[in-house]
PDB file of N, CA and C in Angstrom:
ATOM      1  N   MET A   1     -15.062  -7.858 -28.048  1.00  0.00           N
ATOM      2  CA  MET A   1     -16.349  -7.540 -27.398  1.00  0.00           C
ATOM      3  C   MET A   1     -16.194  -6.669 -26.065  1.00  0.00           C
ATOM      4  N   THR A   2     -16.957  -5.387 -25.964  1.00  0.00           N
ATOM      5  CA  THR A   2     -16.480  -4.377 -24.180  1.00  0.00           C
ATOM      6  C   THR A   2     -17.178  -5.813 -23.344  1.00  0.00           C
ATOM      7  N   TYR A   3     -17.092  -5.126 -21.925  1.00  0.00           N
ATOM      8  CA  TYR A   3     -17.467  -5.488 -20.972  1.00  0.00           C
ATOM      9  C   TYR A   3     -17.649  -4.869 -20.328  1.00  0.00           C
ATOM     10  N   GLU A   4     -18.432  -5.258 -19.539  1.00  0.00           N
ATOM     11  CA  GLU A   4     -19.775  -3.878 -18.219  1.00  0.00           C
ATOM     12  C   GLU A   4     -18.213  -4.589 -17.222  1.00  0.00           C
ATOM     13  N   ILE A   5     -17.600  -3.526 -16.211  1.00  0.00           N
ATOM     14  CA  ILE A   5     -17.256  -3.699 -15.119  1.00  0.00           C
ATOM     15  C   ILE A   5     -17.796  -3.124 -13.682  1.00  0.00           C
ATOM     16  N   GLU A   6     -17.591  -3.911 -13.390  1.00  0.00           N
ATOM     17  CA  GLU A   6     -17.969  -4.103 -11.545  1.00  0.00           C
ATOM     18  C   GLU A   6     -17.548  -3.830 -10.353  1.00  0.00           C
ATOM     19  N   TRP A   7     -16.828  -3.131  -9.941  1.00  0.00           N
ATOM     20  CA  TRP A   7     -15.778  -3.596  -8.318  1.00  0.00           C
ATOM     21  C   TRP A   7     -16.349  -4.248  -7.199  1.00  0.00           C
ATOM     22  N   SER A   8     -15.271  -5.384  -6.505  1.00  0.00           N
ATOM     23  CA  SER A   8     -16.152  -6.082  -5.997  1.00  0.00           C
ATOM     24  C   SER A   8     -15.984  -4.498  -4.760  1.00  0.00           C
ATOM     25  N   GLU A   9     -17.028  -4.911  -3.769  1.00  0.00           N
ATOM     26  CA  GLU A   9     -16.236  -4.125  -2.179  1.00  0.00           C
ATOM     27  C   GLU A   9     -14.880  -4.066  -1.738  1.00  0.00           C
ATOM     28  N   ARG A  10     -14.070  -4.679  -2.195  1.00  0.00           N
ATOM     29  CA  ARG A  10     -12.722  -5.314  -1.092  1.00  0.00           C
ATOM     30  C   ARG A  10     -11.805  -3.990  -1.974  1.00  0.00           C
ATOM     31  N   ALA A  11     -12.165  -4.120  -3.842  1.00  0.00           N
ATOM     32  CA  ALA A  11     -11.822  -3.458  -4.669  1.00  0.00           C
ATOM     33  C   ALA A  11     -11.814  -2.367  -4.783  1.00  0.00           C
ATOM     34  N   SER A  12     -13.021  -1.415  -4.545  1.00  0.00           N
ATOM     35  CA  SER A  12     -12.899  -0.021  -3.723  1.00  0.00           C
ATOM     36  C   SER A  12     -12.505   0.073  -3.108  1.00  0.00           C
ATOM     37  N   ALA A  13     -12.885  -0.521  -1.657  1.00  0.00           N
ATOM     38  CA  ALA A  13     -11.863   0.674  -0.747  1.00  0.00           C
ATOM     39  C   ALA A  13     -10.224   0.282  -0.622  1.00  0.00           C
ATOM     40  N   GLU A  14      -9.703  -0.748  -0.918  1.00  0.00           N
ATOM     41  CA  GLU A  14      -8.334  -1.177  -1.599  1.00  0.00           C
ATOM     42  C   GLU A  14      -8.514   0.557  -2.570  1.00  0.00           C
ATOM     43  N   TYR A  15      -8.266   0.509  -3.736  1.00  0.00           N
ATOM     44  CA  TYR A  15      -8.524   1.499  -4.425  1.00  0.00           C
ATOM     45  C   TYR A  15      -8.522   3.531  -3.809  1.00  0.00           C
ATOM     46  N   GLU A  16      -8.898   2.947  -2.706  1.00  0.00           N
ATOM     47  CA  GLU A  16      -9.817   4.819  -1.790  1.00  0.00           C
ATOM     48  C   GLU A  16      -8.650   4.916  -1.201  1.00  0.00           C
ATOM     49  N   LYS A  17      -8.415   3.443   0.142  1.00  0.00           N
ATOM     50  CA  LYS A  17      -6.729   3.744   0.517  1.00  0.00           C
ATOM     51  C   LYS A  17      -5.579   3.553  -0.246  1.00  0.00           C
ATOM     52  N   LEU A  18      -5.468   3.721  -1.611  1.00  0.00           N
ATOM     53  CA  LEU A  18      -4.659   3.678  -1.974  1.00  0.00           C
ATOM     54  C   LEU A  18      -4.817   5.216  -2.071  1.00  0.00           C
ATOM     55  N   VAL A  19      -5.722   6.069  -3.126  1.00  0.00           N
ATOM     56  CA  VAL A  19      -5.095   6.898  -2.961  1.00  0.00           C
ATOM     57  C   VAL A  19      -5.272   7.901  -2.352  1.00  0.00           C
ATOM     58  N   ILE A  20      -6.083   7.567  -0.857  1.00  0.00           N
ATOM     59  CA  ILE A  20      -6.247   8.236   0.681  1.00  0.00           C
ATOM     60  C   ILE A  20      -4.345   8.288   0.683  1.00  0.00           C
ATOM     61  N   TYR A  21      -3.953   7.242   0.994  1.00  0.00           N
ATOM     62  CA  TYR A  21      -2.519   7.127   1.140  1.00  0.00           C
ATOM     63  C   TYR A  21      -1.252   8.129   0.099  1.00  0.00           C
ATOM     64  N   LEU A  22      -2.184   7.587  -1.772  1.00  0.00           N
ATOM     65  CA  LEU A  22      -0.788   8.430  -2.073  1.00  0.00           C
ATOM     66  C   LEU A  22      -1.061  10.163  -1.775  1.00  0.00           C
ATOM     67  N   GLN A  23      -2.143  10.878  -1.774  1.00  0.00           N
ATOM     68  CA  GLN A  23      -2.220  12.279  -1.546  1.00  0.00           C
ATOM     69  C   GLN A  23      -1.572  12.566  -0.696  1.00  0.00           C
ATOM     70  N   ASN A  24      -1.574  11.223   0.364  1.00  0.00           N
ATOM     71  CA  ASN A  24      -0.829  12.192   1.996  1.00  0.00           C
ATOM     72  C   ASN A  24       0.604  12.249   1.988  1.00  0.00           C
ATOM     73  N   GLU A  25       1.411  10.687   1.162  1.00  0.00           N
ATOM     74  CA  GLU A  25       2.124  10.669   1.983  1.00  0.00           C
ATOM     75  C   GLU A  25       3.791  11.704  -0.105  1.00  0.00           C
ATOM     76  N   TRP A  26       2.413  11.424  -1.038  1.00  0.00           N
ATOM     77  CA  TRP A  26       3.129  11.668  -2.454  1.00  0.00           C
ATOM     78  C   TRP A  26       2.731  13.456  -2.185  1.00  0.00           C
ATOM     79  N   GLY A  27       1.463  13.546  -1.590  1.00  0.00           N
ATOM     80  CA  GLY A  27       0.666  15.163  -2.784  1.00  0.00           C
ATOM     81  C   GLY A  27      -0.231  14.729  -4.230  1.00  0.00           C
ATOM     82  N   ARG A  28      -1.273  15.565  -4.059  1.00  0.00           N
ATOM     83  CA  ARG A  28      -2.227  15.340  -5.077  1.00  0.00           C
ATOM     84  C   ARG A  28      -1.490  15.308  -7.025  1.00  0.00           C
ATOM     85  N   ASP A  29      -0.610  15.050  -6.881  1.00  0.00           N
ATOM     86  CA  ASP A  29      -0.521  15.120  -8.665  1.00  0.00           C
ATOM     87  C   ASP A  29       0.192  14.102  -8.527  1.00  0.00           C
ATOM     88  N   ILE A  30       0.643  13.198  -7.550  1.00  0.00           N
ATOM     89  CA  ILE A  30       1.095  12.389  -7.871  1.00  0.00           C
ATOM     90  C   ILE A  30      -0.042  10.574  -7.914  1.00  0.00           C
ATOM     91  N   ALA A  31      -1.158  11.491  -6.871  1.00  0.00           N
ATOM     92  CA  ALA A  31      -2.708  10.622  -6.866  1.00  0.00           C
ATOM     93  C   ALA A  31      -2.667  10.109  -7.857  1.00  0.00           C
ATOM     94  N   PHE A  32      -3.377  11.437  -8.619  1.00  0.00           N
ATOM     95  CA  PHE A  32      -3.919  12.100 -10.055  1.00  0.00           C
ATOM     96  C   PHE A  32      -2.987  10.959 -11.038  1.00  0.00           C
ATOM     97  N   ARG A  33      -2.367  10.902 -10.685  1.00  0.00           N
ATOM     98  CA  ARG A  33      -1.309  10.743 -12.101  1.00  0.00           C
ATOM     99  C   ARG A  33      -1.784   8.876 -12.019  1.00  0.00           C
ATOM    100  N   VAL A  34      -1.352   8.324 -10.721  1.00  0.00           N
ATOM    101  CA  VAL A  34      -2.019   6.823 -10.278  1.00  0.00           C
ATOM    102  C   VAL A  34      -3.450   6.692 -10.773  1.00  0.00           C
ATOM    103  N   THR A  35      -4.087   7.196 -10.372  1.00  0.00           N
ATOM    104  CA  THR A  35      -6.333   7.576 -10.274  1.00  0.00           C
ATOM    105  C   THR A  35      -5.769   7.223 -11.936  1.00  0.00           C
ATOM    106  N   ILE A  36      -5.104   8.233 -12.620  1.00  0.00           N
ATOM    107  CA  ILE A  36      -5.237   8.176 -14.617  1.00  0.00           C
ATOM    108  C   ILE A  36      -4.461   7.074 -14.683  1.00  0.00           C
ATOM    109  N   GLU A  37      -3.311   5.956 -14.599  1.00  0.00           N
ATOM    110  CA  GLU A  37      -2.153   5.252 -14.849  1.00  0.00           C
ATOM    111  C   GLU A  37      -3.700   4.378 -14.978  1.00  0.00           C
ATOM    112  N   ILE A  38      -4.795   4.499 -13.541  1.00  0.00           N
ATOM    113  CA  ILE A  38      -5.097   3.129 -12.853  1.00  0.00           C
ATOM    114  C   ILE A  38      -7.060   2.974 -14.511  1.00  0.00           C
ATOM    115  N   ASP A  39      -7.233   3.924 -14.650  1.00  0.00           N
ATOM    116  CA  ASP A  39      -7.815   3.628 -15.417  1.00  0.00           C
ATOM    117  C   ASP A  39      -8.057   3.712 -16.266  1.00  0.00           C
ATOM    118  N   GLN A  40      -6.242   3.859 -16.719  1.00  0.00           N
ATOM    119  CA  GLN A  40      -6.011   3.912 -18.728  1.00  0.00           C
ATOM    120  C   GLN A  40      -6.367   2.070 -18.592  1.00  0.00           C
ATOM    121  N   LYS A  41      -5.511   1.400 -17.622  1.00  0.00           N
ATOM    122  CA  LYS A  41      -5.462  -0.198 -17.433  1.00  0.00           C
ATOM    123  C   LYS A  41      -6.861  -0.911 -17.125  1.00  0.00           C
ATOM    124  N   ILE A  42      -7.884  -0.221 -16.523  1.00  0.00           N
ATOM    125  CA  ILE A  42      -8.777  -0.696 -15.805  1.00  0.00           C
ATOM    126  C   ILE A  42     -10.277  -0.384 -18.153  1.00  0.00           C
ATOM    127  N   VAL A  43      -9.457   0.502 -18.326  1.00  0.00           N
ATOM    128  CA  VAL A  43      -9.822   0.736 -19.764  1.00  0.00           C
ATOM    129  C   VAL A  43      -9.415  -0.440 -20.661  1.00  0.00           C
ATOM    130  N   ARG A  44      -8.061  -0.977 -20.653  1.00  0.00           N
ATOM    131  CA  ARG A  44      -7.455  -2.197 -21.522  1.00  0.00           C
ATOM    132  C   ARG A  44      -8.315  -3.613 -21.563  1.00  0.00           C
ATOM    133  N   ILE A  45      -8.435  -3.364 -19.541  1.00  0.00           N
ATOM    134  CA  ILE A  45      -8.651  -4.693 -19.163  1.00  0.00           C
ATOM    135  C   ILE A  45     -10.470  -4.562 -19.528  1.00  0.00           C
ATOM    136  N   LYS A  46     -11.222  -3.686 -19.810  1.00  0.00           N
ATOM    137  CA  LYS A  46     -12.219  -3.790 -19.854  1.00  0.00           C
ATOM    138  C   LYS A  46     -12.364  -4.002 -21.188  1.00  0.00           C
ATOM    139  N   ASN A  47     -11.483  -3.905 -22.680  1.00  0.00           N
ATOM    140  CA  ASN A  47     -11.681  -3.495 -24.220  1.00  0.00           C
ATOM    141  C   ASN A  47     -11.191  -5.768 -24.545  1.00  0.00           C
ATOM    142  N   SER A  48     -10.211  -5.762 -23.405  1.00  0.00           N
ATOM    143  CA  SER A  48      -9.350  -7.449 -23.310  1.00  0.00           C
ATOM    144  C   SER A  48      -8.149  -7.809 -22.606  1.00  0.00           C
ATOM    145  N   PRO A  49      -9.737  -8.097 -21.805  1.00  0.00           N
ATOM    146  CA  PRO A  49      -8.952  -8.867 -20.772  1.00  0.00           C
ATOM    147  C   PRO A  49      -8.859 -10.075 -20.354  1.00  0.00           C
ATOM    148  N   GLU A  50      -8.482 -10.592 -21.601  1.00  0.00           N
ATOM    149  CA  GLU A  50      -7.594 -11.937 -22.306  1.00  0.00           C
ATOM    150  C   GLU A  50      -6.138 -11.504 -22.283  1.00  0.00           C
ATOM    151  N   GLN A  51      -6.025 -10.609 -23.020  1.00  0.00           N
ATOM    152  CA  GLN A  51      -4.431  -9.192 -22.806  1.00  0.00           C
ATOM    153  C   GLN A  51      -3.147  -9.764 -21.362  1.00  0.00           C
ATOM    154  N   PHE A  52      -4.399 -10.255 -20.247  1.00  0.00           N
ATOM    155  CA  PHE A  52      -3.260 -10.530 -18.932  1.00  0.00           C
ATOM    156  C   PHE A  52      -3.660 -11.418 -18.694  1.00  0.00           C
ATOM    157  N   PRO A  53      -2.186 -11.931 -17.845  1.00  0.00           N
ATOM    158  CA  PRO A  53      -2.505 -13.418 -17.856  1.00  0.00           C
ATOM    159  C   PRO A  53      -2.775 -13.855 -16.572  1.00  0.00           C
ATOM    160  N   ILE A  54      -3.541 -15.703 -16.346  1.00  0.00           N
ATOM    161  CA  ILE A  54      -4.150 -15.838 -15.434  1.00  0.00           C
ATOM    162  C   ILE A  54      -2.915 -16.227 -14.363  1.00  0.00           C
ATOM    163  N   PHE A  55      -4.021 -15.445 -13.504  1.00  0.00           N
ATOM    164  CA  PHE A  55      -3.158 -15.256 -11.879  1.00  0.00           C
ATOM    165  C   PHE A  55      -3.245 -17.011 -10.870  1.00  0.00           C
ATOM    166  N   LYS A  56      -4.835 -16.911 -11.400  1.00  0.00           N
ATOM    167  CA  LYS A  56      -5.224 -18.086 -10.369  1.00  0.00           C
ATOM    168  C   LYS A  56      -6.040 -19.211 -11.157  1.00  0.00           C
ATOM    169  N   LYS A  57      -5.534 -20.444 -12.087  1.00  0.00           N
ATOM    170  CA  LYS A  57      -6.049 -20.361 -12.722  1.00  0.00           C
ATOM    171  C   LYS A  57      -7.705 -21.692 -12.543  1.00  0.00           C
ATOM    172  N   LYS A  58      -7.125 -21.641 -11.267  1.00  0.00           N
ATOM    173  CA  LYS A  58      -8.464 -22.046  -9.949  1.00  0.00           C
ATOM    174  C   LYS A  58     -10.008 -21.223  -9.751  1.00  0.00           C
ATOM    175  N   LYS A  59      -9.059 -20.647  -9.908  1.00  0.00           N
ATOM    176  CA  LYS A  59     -10.543 -19.007 -10.126  1.00  0.00           C
ATOM    177  C   LYS A  59     -10.988 -18.446 -11.010  1.00  0.00           C
ATOM    178  N   ASN A  60      -9.604 -18.713 -12.157  1.00  0.00           N
ATOM    179  CA  ASN A  60      -9.844 -17.913 -13.304  1.00  0.00           C
ATOM    180  C   ASN A  60      -9.206 -16.561 -12.889  1.00  0.00           C
ATOM    181  N   VAL A  61      -8.457 -16.112 -11.677  1.00  0.00           N
ATOM    182  CA  VAL A  61      -8.689 -14.768 -11.894  1.00  0.00           C
ATOM    183  C   VAL A  61      -7.363 -14.845 -12.867  1.00  0.00           C
ATOM    184  N   ARG A  62      -7.457 -12.934 -13.465  1.00  0.00           N
ATOM    185  CA  ARG A  62      -6.296 -12.729 -14.120  1.00  0.00           C
ATOM    186  C   ARG A  62      -5.798 -11.235 -13.167  1.00  0.00           C
ATOM    187  N   ARG A  63      -4.265 -10.943 -13.615  1.00  0.00           N
ATOM    188  CA  ARG A  63      -3.178 -10.531 -13.203  1.00  0.00           C
ATOM    189  C   ARG A  63      -3.370  -9.536 -13.946  1.00  0.00           C
ATOM    190  N   CYS A  64      -3.334  -7.722 -14.247  1.00  0.00           N
ATOM    191  CA  CYS A  64      -3.048  -6.331 -14.614  1.00  0.00           C
ATOM    192  C   CYS A  64      -2.000  -5.855 -13.708  1.00  0.00           C
ATOM    193  N   VAL A  65      -0.810  -5.254 -14.091  1.00  0.00           N
ATOM    194  CA  VAL A  65       0.091  -4.910 -13.315  1.00  0.00           C
ATOM    195  C   VAL A  65      -0.216  -3.616 -13.921  1.00  0.00           C
ATOM    196  N   ALA A  66       0.037  -2.927 -12.635  1.00  0.00           N
ATOM    197  CA  ALA A  66      -1.526  -1.586 -13.460  1.00  0.00           C
ATOM    198  C   ALA A  66       0.379  -0.397 -13.313  1.00  0.00           C
ATOM    199  N   SER A  67       1.457  -0.402 -12.386  1.00  0.00           N
ATOM    200  CA  SER A  67       2.409   0.053 -12.436  1.00  0.00           C
ATOM    201  C   SER A  67       2.939  -1.225 -10.933  1.00  0.00           C
ATOM    202  N   PRO A  68       4.424  -0.860 -11.023  1.00  0.00           N
ATOM    203  CA  PRO A  68       5.375  -0.928 -10.503  1.00  0.00           C
ATOM    204  C   PRO A  68       4.352  -1.350  -8.893  1.00  0.00           C
ATOM    205  N   GLN A  69       4.270  -0.595  -8.733  1.00  0.00           N
ATOM    206  CA  GLN A  69       3.863  -0.386  -6.662  1.00  0.00           C
ATOM    207  C   GLN A  69       1.907  -1.105  -7.204  1.00  0.00           C
ATOM    208  N   THR A  70       1.201  -1.018  -7.986  1.00  0.00           N
ATOM    209  CA  THR A  70      -0.181  -1.680  -7.802  1.00  0.00           C
ATOM    210  C   THR A  70      -0.378  -2.115  -9.321  1.00  0.00           C
ATOM    211  N   SER A  71      -1.323  -3.408  -8.519  1.00  0.00           N
ATOM    212  CA  SER A  71      -2.044  -5.071  -9.091  1.00  0.00           C
ATOM    213  C   SER A  71      -3.379  -5.106  -9.185  1.00  0.00           C
ATOM    214  N   ILE A  72      -4.160  -5.207 -10.832  1.00  0.00           N
ATOM    215  CA  ILE A  72      -5.210  -4.895 -10.779  1.00  0.00           C
ATOM    216  C   ILE A  72      -5.298  -6.843 -10.938  1.00  0.00           C
ATOM    217  N   TYR A  73      -6.400  -6.860 -10.333  1.00  0.00           N
ATOM    218  CA  TYR A  73      -6.851  -9.019  -9.993  1.00  0.00           C
ATOM    219  C   TYR A  73      -7.857  -8.959 -10.526  1.00  0.00           C
ATOM    220  N   PHE A  74      -8.443  -9.109 -11.342  1.00  0.00           N
ATOM    221  CA  PHE A  74      -9.979  -9.521 -11.923  1.00  0.00           C
ATOM    222  C   PHE A  74     -10.556 -11.450 -12.311  1.00  0.00           C
ATOM    223  N   ARG A  75     -12.094 -11.021 -12.528  1.00  0.00           N
ATOM    224  CA  ARG A  75     -12.339 -12.285 -13.181  1.00  0.00           C
ATOM    225  C   ARG A  75     -13.642 -11.590 -14.235  1.00  0.00           C
ATOM    226  N   VAL A  76     -13.343 -12.496 -14.898  1.00  0.00           N
ATOM    227  CA  VAL A  76     -14.331 -12.189 -16.167  1.00  0.00           C
ATOM    228  C   VAL A  76     -15.428 -13.543 -16.519  1.00  0.00           C
ATOM    229  N   ASN A  77     -16.672 -12.772 -16.294  1.00  0.00           N
ATOM    230  CA  ASN A  77     -17.780 -14.154 -16.428  1.00  0.00           C
ATOM    231  C   ASN A  77     -18.579 -13.097 -17.002  1.00  0.00           C
ATOM    232  N   LYS A  78     -19.258 -14.460 -17.991  1.00  0.00           N
ATOM    233  CA  LYS A  78     -20.185 -13.969 -19.020  1.00  0.00           C
ATOM    234  C   LYS A  78     -19.163 -12.724 -19.495  1.00  0.00           C
ATOM    235  N   ASP A  79     -20.272 -10.933 -19.265  1.00  0.00           N
ATOM    236  CA  ASP A  79     -20.666 -10.362 -19.866  1.00  0.00           C
ATOM    237  C   ASP A  79     -20.081  -9.459 -18.931  1.00  0.00           C
ATOM    238  N   MET A  80     -19.250  -9.721 -18.278  1.00  0.00           N
ATOM    239  CA  MET A  80     -18.922  -8.541 -17.467  1.00  0.00           C
ATOM    240  C   MET A  80     -17.750  -9.064 -16.534  1.00  0.00           C
ATOM    241  N   ILE A  81     -16.695  -7.756 -16.113  1.00  0.00           N
ATOM    242  CA  ILE A  81     -15.890  -7.886 -15.176  1.00  0.00           C
ATOM    243  C   ILE A  81     -16.079  -7.736 -14.069  1.00  0.00           C
ATOM    244  N   GLU A  82     -15.437  -8.325 -12.775  1.00  0.00           N
ATOM    245  CA  GLU A  82     -15.192  -8.026 -11.780  1.00  0.00           C
ATOM    246  C   GLU A  82     -13.956  -8.064 -11.622  1.00  0.00           C
ATOM    247  N   ILE A  83     -13.489  -6.724 -10.953  1.00  0.00           N
ATOM    248  CA  ILE A  83     -12.248  -6.774 -10.750  1.00  0.00           C
ATOM    249  C   ILE A  83     -12.625  -5.876  -8.917  1.00  0.00           C
ATOM    250  N   MET A  84     -11.294  -7.422  -8.149  1.00  0.00           N
ATOM    251  CA  MET A  84     -11.537  -8.218  -7.473  1.00  0.00           C
ATOM    252  C   MET A  84     -10.245  -7.391  -6.554  1.00  0.00           C
ATOM    253  N   SER A  85      -9.492  -7.022  -6.784  1.00  0.00           N
ATOM    254  CA  SER A  85      -9.482  -6.579  -5.533  1.00  0.00           C
ATOM    255  C   SER A  85      -8.231  -5.143  -6.712  1.00  0.00           C
ATOM    256  N   VAL A  86      -7.538  -4.680  -5.351  1.00  0.00           N
ATOM    257  CA  VAL A  86      -6.263  -3.128  -6.245  1.00  0.00           C
ATOM    258  C   VAL A  86      -4.943  -3.440  -5.497  1.00  0.00           C
ATOM    259  N   PHE A  87      -4.757  -4.488  -5.828  1.00  0.00           N
ATOM    260  CA  PHE A  87      -3.106  -4.894  -4.698  1.00  0.00           C
ATOM    261  C   PHE A  87      -1.407  -4.013  -4.550  1.00  0.00           C
ATOM    262  N   ASP A  88      -1.762  -3.362  -3.171  1.00  0.00           N
ATOM    263  CA  ASP A  88      -0.081  -2.547  -3.665  1.00  0.00           C
ATOM    264  C   ASP A  88       1.039  -3.045  -3.394  1.00  0.00           C
ATOM    265  N   ASN A  89       1.960  -4.151  -4.508  1.00  0.00           N
ATOM    266  CA  ASN A  89       2.647  -5.109  -4.314  1.00  0.00           C
ATOM    267  C   ASN A  89       2.877  -4.850  -3.545  1.00  0.00           C
ATOM    268  N   ARG A  90       3.828  -3.117  -2.552  1.00  0.00           N
ATOM    269  CA  ARG A  90       4.543  -2.788  -1.113  1.00  0.00           C
ATOM    270  C   ARG A  90       4.335  -4.095   0.121  1.00  0.00           C
ATOM    271  N   GLN A  91       2.981  -3.867  -0.011  1.00  0.00           N
ATOM    272  CA  GLN A  91       2.566  -5.066   1.006  1.00  0.00           C
ATOM    273  C   GLN A  91       3.319  -7.002   1.012  1.00  0.00           C
ATOM    274  N   ASN A  92       3.351  -7.264   2.377  1.00  0.00           N
ATOM    275  CA  ASN A  92       2.878  -8.895   2.518  1.00  0.00           C
ATOM    276  C   ASN A  92       1.842  -9.771   0.883  1.00  0.00           C
ATOM    277  N   PRO A  93       2.688  -9.986   0.474  1.00  0.00           N
ATOM    278  CA  PRO A  93       1.316 -10.951  -0.845  1.00  0.00           C
ATOM    279  C   PRO A  93       1.107 -11.944  -0.125  1.00  0.00           C
ATOM    280  N   ARG A  94       0.358 -11.956   0.981  1.00  0.00           N
ATOM    281  CA  ARG A  94       0.009 -12.597   2.068  1.00  0.00           C
ATOM    282  C   ARG A  94      -0.953 -12.743   2.141  1.00  0.00           C
ATOM    283  N   LYS A  95      -1.001 -11.245   2.781  1.00  0.00           N
ATOM    284  CA  LYS A  95      -2.002 -10.623   2.594  1.00  0.00           C
ATOM    285  C   LYS A  95      -3.164 -10.225   1.270  1.00  0.00           C
ATOM    286  N   ARG A  96      -2.792 -10.218   0.801  1.00  0.00           N
ATOM    287  CA  ARG A  96      -3.331 -10.532  -0.580  1.00  0.00           C
ATOM    288  C   ARG A  96      -4.470 -12.057  -1.663  1.00  0.00           C
ATOM    289  N   LYS A  97      -6.331 -12.244  -0.973  1.00  0.00           N
ATOM    290  CA  LYS A  97      -6.635 -12.608  -0.979  1.00  0.00           C
ATOM    291  C   LYS A  97      -7.414 -13.217  -1.951  1.00  0.00           C
ATOM    292  N   LEU A  98      -7.791 -13.975  -2.609  1.00  0.00           N
ATOM    293  CA  LEU A  98      -8.417 -13.851  -4.383  1.00  0.00           C
ATOM    294  C   LEU A  98      -9.570 -15.034  -3.553  1.00  0.00           C
TER     295      LEU A  98
END
């Protein structure tokens, strides 16, 4: 089963902030490569979300490590996947509010 993807406002803002940071600090090529990696992970999440471990059992939140620096947190609802956060792993984990 293939699911529809829905981005939360928070996840969209975090993704945009990450891309801007990468462009400013590392250049367009690196930012482009990272966005491609994230897009590829989103496709994997969409096609087979159960392959990713549950991060918060109570809220049924799963985690996909897109790169050593970035994790994608999502939740599966009936026929939709909600991308909840695109978290920069270099941040303090206490900033991760799911």
